PDB file of N, CA and C in Angstrom:
ATOM      1  N   MET A   1       0.569  -1.648  -0.068  1.00  0.00           N
ATOM      2  CA  MET A   1      -0.607  -0.343   0.013  1.00  0.00           C
ATOM      3  C   MET A   1       0.326   1.616  -0.170  1.00  0.00           C
ATOM      4  N   ILE A   2       0.675   2.471  -0.570  1.00  0.00           N
ATOM      5  CA  ILE A   2       1.498   3.808  -0.557  1.00  0.00           C
ATOM      6  C   ILE A   2       0.677   4.238   0.195  1.00  0.00           C
ATOM      7  N   VAL A   3       0.584   5.244   0.621  1.00  0.00           N
ATOM      8  CA  VAL A   3       0.402   6.122   1.674  1.00  0.00           C
ATOM      9  C   VAL A   3       0.982   7.711   1.579  1.00  0.00           C
ATOM     10  N   PRO A   4       0.166   8.445   0.844  1.00  0.00           N
ATOM     11  CA  PRO A   4       0.464  10.017   1.072  1.00  0.00           C
ATOM     12  C   PRO A   4       1.586  10.806   2.045  1.00  0.00           C
ATOM     13  N   VAL A   5       2.689  10.952   1.987  1.00  0.00           N
ATOM     14  CA  VAL A   5       2.650  11.830   2.728  1.00  0.00           C
ATOM     15  C   VAL A   5       3.099  13.833   2.414  1.00  0.00           C
ATOM     16  N   ARG A   6       3.132  14.324   2.097  1.00  0.00           N
ATOM     17  CA  ARG A   6       3.697  15.832   2.689  1.00  0.00           C
ATOM     18  C   ARG A   6       4.477  16.243   3.809  1.00  0.00           C
ATOM     19  N   LEU A   7       5.367  17.089   3.158  1.00  0.00           N
ATOM     20  CA  LEU A   7       6.591  17.456   4.379  1.00  0.00           C
ATOM     21  C   LEU A   7       6.015  18.810   4.127  1.00  0.00           C
ATOM     22  N   ASP A   8       6.642  19.720   4.599  1.00  0.00           N
ATOM     23  CA  ASP A   8       6.474  21.739   4.739  1.00  0.00           C
ATOM     24  C   ASP A   8       8.478  21.145   5.362  1.00  0.00           C
ATOM     25  N   VAL A   9       9.334  21.944   4.153  1.00  0.00           N
ATOM     26  CA  VAL A   9      10.837  22.079   4.726  1.00  0.00           C
ATOM     27  C   VAL A   9      10.788  23.584   5.747  1.00  0.00           C
ATOM     28  N   GLU A  10      11.302  23.653   6.141  1.00  0.00           N
ATOM     29  CA  GLU A  10      11.258  25.139   7.572  1.00  0.00           C
ATOM     30  C   GLU A  10      12.683  25.648   6.727  1.00  0.00           C
ATOM     31  N   LYS A  11      13.504  24.560   7.723  1.00  0.00           N
ATOM     32  CA  LYS A  11      14.504  24.915   7.228  1.00  0.00           C
ATOM     33  C   LYS A  11      16.249  24.363   6.938  1.00  0.00           C
ATOM     34  N   VAL A  12      16.987  25.318   5.994  1.00  0.00           N
ATOM     35  CA  VAL A  12      17.869  24.165   5.821  1.00  0.00           C
ATOM     36  C   VAL A  12      19.290  24.464   5.516  1.00  0.00           C
ATOM     37  N   GLU A  13      20.068  23.873   6.402  1.00  0.00           N
ATOM     38  CA  GLU A  13      21.166  24.536   6.776  1.00  0.00           C
ATOM     39  C   GLU A  13      22.629  23.619   6.050  1.00  0.00           C
ATOM     40  N   GLY A  14      23.535  24.752   6.133  1.00  0.00           N
ATOM     41  CA  GLY A  14      24.339  24.083   4.930  1.00  0.00           C
ATOM     42  C   GLY A  14      25.956  23.985   5.597  1.00  0.00           C
ATOM     43  N   THR A  15      26.594  22.775   4.932  1.00  0.00           N
ATOM     44  CA  THR A  15      28.275  23.799   5.684  1.00  0.00           C
ATOM     45  C   THR A  15      28.953  23.599   4.543  1.00  0.00           C
ATOM     46  N   TRP A  16      30.210  24.768   5.517  1.00  0.00           N
ATOM     47  CA  TRP A  16      31.236  24.223   4.334  1.00  0.00           C
ATOM     48  C   TRP A  16      32.277  23.181   4.081  1.00  0.00           C
ATOM     49  N   LYS A  17      32.247  22.422   2.872  1.00  0.00           N
ATOM     50  CA  LYS A  17      32.993  21.002   3.444  1.00  0.00           C
ATOM     51  C   LYS A  17      33.883  21.017   1.640  1.00  0.00           C
ATOM     52  N   PHE A  18      35.143  21.542   1.001  1.00  0.00           N
ATOM     53  CA  PHE A  18      35.467  21.639   0.201  1.00  0.00           C
ATOM     54  C   PHE A  18      36.615  20.234  -0.367  1.00  0.00           C
ATOM     55  N   SER A  19      37.403  19.702  -0.093  1.00  0.00           N
ATOM     56  CA  SER A  19      38.565  19.407   0.774  1.00  0.00           C
ATOM     57  C   SER A  19      38.067  18.358   0.094  1.00  0.00           C
ATOM     58  N   GLN A  20      37.095  17.717   1.269  1.00  0.00           N
ATOM     59  CA  GLN A  20      36.839  16.144   0.906  1.00  0.00           C
ATOM     60  C   GLN A  20      38.163  15.766   2.139  1.00  0.00           C
ATOM     61  N   ASN A  21      38.679  16.029   2.025  1.00  0.00           N
ATOM     62  CA  ASN A  21      40.353  15.296   2.216  1.00  0.00           C
ATOM     63  C   ASN A  21      41.003  14.336   1.446  1.00  0.00           C
ATOM     64  N   LYS A  22      40.864  14.489  -0.112  1.00  0.00           N
ATOM     65  CA  LYS A  22      41.675  14.409  -1.374  1.00  0.00           C
ATOM     66  C   LYS A  22      42.024  15.236  -1.599  1.00  0.00           C
ATOM     67  N   PRO A  23      43.179  14.182  -1.771  1.00  0.00           N
ATOM     68  CA  PRO A  23      44.560  15.218  -2.979  1.00  0.00           C
ATOM     69  C   PRO A  23      44.141  16.505  -3.785  1.00  0.00           C
ATOM     70  N   GLY A  24      45.365  17.215  -3.808  1.00  0.00           N
ATOM     71  CA  GLY A  24      44.975  18.507  -4.677  1.00  0.00           C
ATOM     72  C   GLY A  24      44.274  18.432  -5.781  1.00  0.00           C
ATOM     73  N   GLU A  25      44.852  17.304  -7.161  1.00  0.00           N
ATOM     74  CA  GLU A  25      44.769  17.045  -8.066  1.00  0.00           C
ATOM     75  C   GLU A  25      43.194  17.506  -7.982  1.00  0.00           C
ATOM     76  N   ALA A  26      42.432  15.997  -6.900  1.00  0.00           N
ATOM     77  CA  ALA A  26      41.195  15.294  -7.311  1.00  0.00           C
ATOM     78  C   ALA A  26      40.332  16.760  -7.135  1.00  0.00           C
ATOM     79  N   ARG A  27      41.316  17.654  -6.023  1.00  0.00           N
ATOM     80  CA  ARG A  27      40.170  19.515  -5.957  1.00  0.00           C
ATOM     81  C   ARG A  27      39.934  20.302  -6.906  1.00  0.00           C
ATOM     82  N   LEU A  28      41.267  20.440  -7.376  1.00  0.00           N
ATOM     83  CA  LEU A  28      41.007  20.785  -9.051  1.00  0.00           C
ATOM     84  C   LEU A  28      40.445  20.290  -9.795  1.00  0.00           C
ATOM     85  N   SER A  29      40.478  19.439  -9.878  1.00  0.00           N
ATOM     86  CA  SER A  29      39.466  18.744 -11.117  1.00  0.00           C
ATOM     87  C   SER A  29      37.720  18.700 -10.371  1.00  0.00           C
ATOM     88  N   ALA A  30      37.341  18.999  -9.289  1.00  0.00           N
ATOM     89  CA  ALA A  30      36.732  18.722  -8.167  1.00  0.00           C
ATOM     90  C   ALA A  30      36.322  20.621  -9.144  1.00  0.00           C
ATOM     91  N   ALA A  31      37.183  21.835  -9.105  1.00  0.00           N
ATOM     92  CA  ALA A  31      36.311  23.007  -8.787  1.00  0.00           C
ATOM     93  C   ALA A  31      36.043  22.995 -10.472  1.00  0.00           C
ATOM     94  N   GLN A  32      37.261  22.785 -11.358  1.00  0.00           N
ATOM     95  CA  GLN A  32      37.196  22.696 -12.434  1.00  0.00           C
ATOM     96  C   GLN A  32      35.659  21.751 -13.734  1.00  0.00           C
ATOM     97  N   GLY A  33      35.159  21.020 -12.518  1.00  0.00           N
ATOM     98  CA  GLY A  33      33.740  20.668 -12.517  1.00  0.00           C
ATOM     99  C   GLY A  33      32.910  21.733 -12.022  1.00  0.00           C
ATOM    100  N   VAL A  34      32.820  22.425 -11.783  1.00  0.00           N
ATOM    101  CA  VAL A  34      32.497  23.604 -11.036  1.00  0.00           C
ATOM    102  C   VAL A  34      32.457  24.532 -11.856  1.00  0.00           C
ATOM    103  N   GLU A  35      33.258  25.555 -11.869  1.00  0.00           N
ATOM    104  CA  GLU A  35      33.336  26.214 -13.857  1.00  0.00           C
ATOM    105  C   GLU A  35      32.450  25.608 -14.532  1.00  0.00           C
ATOM    106  N   GLU A  36      33.083  24.209 -14.708  1.00  0.00           N
ATOM    107  CA  GLU A  36      31.920  24.436 -16.101  1.00  0.00           C
ATOM    108  C   GLU A  36      30.284  24.152 -15.375  1.00  0.00           C
ATOM    109  N   ALA A  37      30.062  23.876 -14.886  1.00  0.00           N
ATOM    110  CA  ALA A  37      28.609  23.861 -14.832  1.00  0.00           C
ATOM    111  C   ALA A  37      27.924  24.764 -14.478  1.00  0.00           C
ATOM    112  N   GLY A  38      29.140  26.824 -14.686  1.00  0.00           N
ATOM    113  CA  GLY A  38      28.696  28.423 -14.170  1.00  0.00           C
ATOM    114  C   GLY A  38      29.290  29.071 -13.093  1.00  0.00           C
ATOM    115  N   GLU A  39      29.090  27.683 -12.499  1.00  0.00           N
ATOM    116  CA  GLU A  39      29.395  28.191 -11.123  1.00  0.00           C
ATOM    117  C   GLU A  39      31.496  29.073 -10.492  1.00  0.00           C
ATOM    118  N   ILE A  40      31.511  30.732 -10.972  1.00  0.00           N
ATOM    119  CA  ILE A  40      32.558  30.167 -11.306  1.00  0.00           C
ATOM    120  C   ILE A  40      32.801  30.949 -10.301  1.00  0.00           C
ATOM    121  N   ALA A  41      32.001  31.970  -8.712  1.00  0.00           N
ATOM    122  CA  ALA A  41      32.743  32.680  -7.994  1.00  0.00           C
ATOM    123  C   ALA A  41      33.047  31.464  -7.495  1.00  0.00           C
ATOM    124  N   LEU A  42      31.843  30.084  -6.685  1.00  0.00           N
ATOM    125  CA  LEU A  42      32.128  29.063  -5.635  1.00  0.00           C
ATOM    126  C   LEU A  42      34.114  28.650  -6.356  1.00  0.00           C
ATOM    127  N   ALA A  43      34.159  28.211  -7.829  1.00  0.00           N
ATOM    128  CA  ALA A  43      35.007  27.198  -8.320  1.00  0.00           C
ATOM    129  C   ALA A  43      36.393  28.746  -7.739  1.00  0.00           C
ATOM    130  N   GLU A  44      36.102  29.454  -8.114  1.00  0.00           N
ATOM    131  CA  GLU A  44      37.413  30.162  -7.831  1.00  0.00           C
ATOM    132  C   GLU A  44      37.754  30.127  -6.608  1.00  0.00           C
ATOM    133  N   LEU A  45      36.543  30.686  -5.045  1.00  0.00           N
ATOM    134  CA  LEU A  45      37.509  30.319  -3.821  1.00  0.00           C
ATOM    135  C   LEU A  45      37.396  28.889  -3.735  1.00  0.00           C
ATOM    136  N   MET A  46      36.459  28.148  -4.797  1.00  0.00           N
ATOM    137  CA  MET A  46      37.289  26.550  -3.807  1.00  0.00           C
ATOM    138  C   MET A  46      38.612  26.448  -4.301  1.00  0.00           C
ATOM    139  N   ARG A  47      39.671  27.148  -5.485  1.00  0.00           N
ATOM    140  CA  ARG A  47      40.902  27.173  -5.828  1.00  0.00           C
ATOM    141  C   ARG A  47      40.910  28.282  -4.898  1.00  0.00           C
ATOM    142  N   LEU A  48      41.001  28.943  -4.256  1.00  0.00           N
ATOM    143  CA  LEU A  48      41.634  29.661  -3.007  1.00  0.00           C
ATOM    144  C   LEU A  48      41.986  29.823  -1.940  1.00  0.00           C
ATOM    145  N   LEU A  49      41.092  28.315  -1.720  1.00  0.00           N
ATOM    146  CA  LEU A  49      41.362  26.988  -0.355  1.00  0.00           C
ATOM    147  C   LEU A  49      42.384  26.656  -1.042  1.00  0.00           C
ATOM    148  N   LEU A  50      42.572  25.947  -1.607  1.00  0.00           N
ATOM    149  CA  LEU A  50      43.405  24.671  -2.073  1.00  0.00           C
ATOM    150  C   LEU A  50      44.650  25.717  -2.190  1.00  0.00           C
ATOM    151  N   ASP A  51      44.719  26.842  -2.850  1.00  0.00           N
ATOM    152  CA  ASP A  51      45.780  27.208  -2.121  1.00  0.00           C
ATOM    153  C   ASP A  51      46.187  27.671  -0.524  1.00  0.00           C
ATOM    154  N   GLY A  52      45.532  27.807  -0.281  1.00  0.00           N
ATOM    155  CA  GLY A  52      46.301  28.456   1.262  1.00  0.00           C
ATOM    156  C   GLY A  52      45.715  29.897   1.383  1.00  0.00           C
ATOM    157  N   HIS A  53      44.689  30.604   0.366  1.00  0.00           N
ATOM    158  CA  HIS A  53      45.240  31.885  -0.235  1.00  0.00           C
ATOM    159  C   HIS A  53      43.344  32.885   1.612  1.00  0.00           C
ATOM    160  N   ALA A  54      42.878  32.027   1.447  1.00  0.00           N
ATOM    161  CA  ALA A  54      41.456  32.326   2.337  1.00  0.00           C
ATOM    162  C   ALA A  54      40.895  30.428   2.986  1.00  0.00           C
ATOM    163  N   ASP A  55      39.950  31.367   4.154  1.00  0.00           N
ATOM    164  CA  ASP A  55      39.751  30.097   4.594  1.00  0.00           C
ATOM    165  C   ASP A  55      38.243  30.450   4.153  1.00  0.00           C
ATOM    166  N   ALA A  56      37.300  29.216   4.832  1.00  0.00           N
ATOM    167  CA  ALA A  56      35.944  28.350   4.620  1.00  0.00           C
ATOM    168  C   ALA A  56      35.600  29.742   5.520  1.00  0.00           C
ATOM    169  N   PRO A  57      34.446  30.172   5.294  1.00  0.00           N
ATOM    170  CA  PRO A  57      33.032  31.221   5.812  1.00  0.00           C
ATOM    171  C   PRO A  57      32.723  30.488   7.221  1.00  0.00           C
ATOM    172  N   ASP A  58      32.081  30.592   8.088  1.00  0.00           N
ATOM    173  CA  ASP A  58      32.269  30.206   9.096  1.00  0.00           C
ATOM    174  C   ASP A  58      30.160  29.765   8.898  1.00  0.00           C
TER     175      ASP A  58
END
């Protein structure tokens, strides 16, 4: 039997986690994929974090 259910989302929380404990090459590849998807600013931030020039926002 299928029972319909409705859920109302009241709050969504996210976290910053770019590295995933992966090597630099994998992280650069992820940034490239993000950039190719059109998220230029996010890709730039990912590269900055990889280079150690910025800290992740709280």
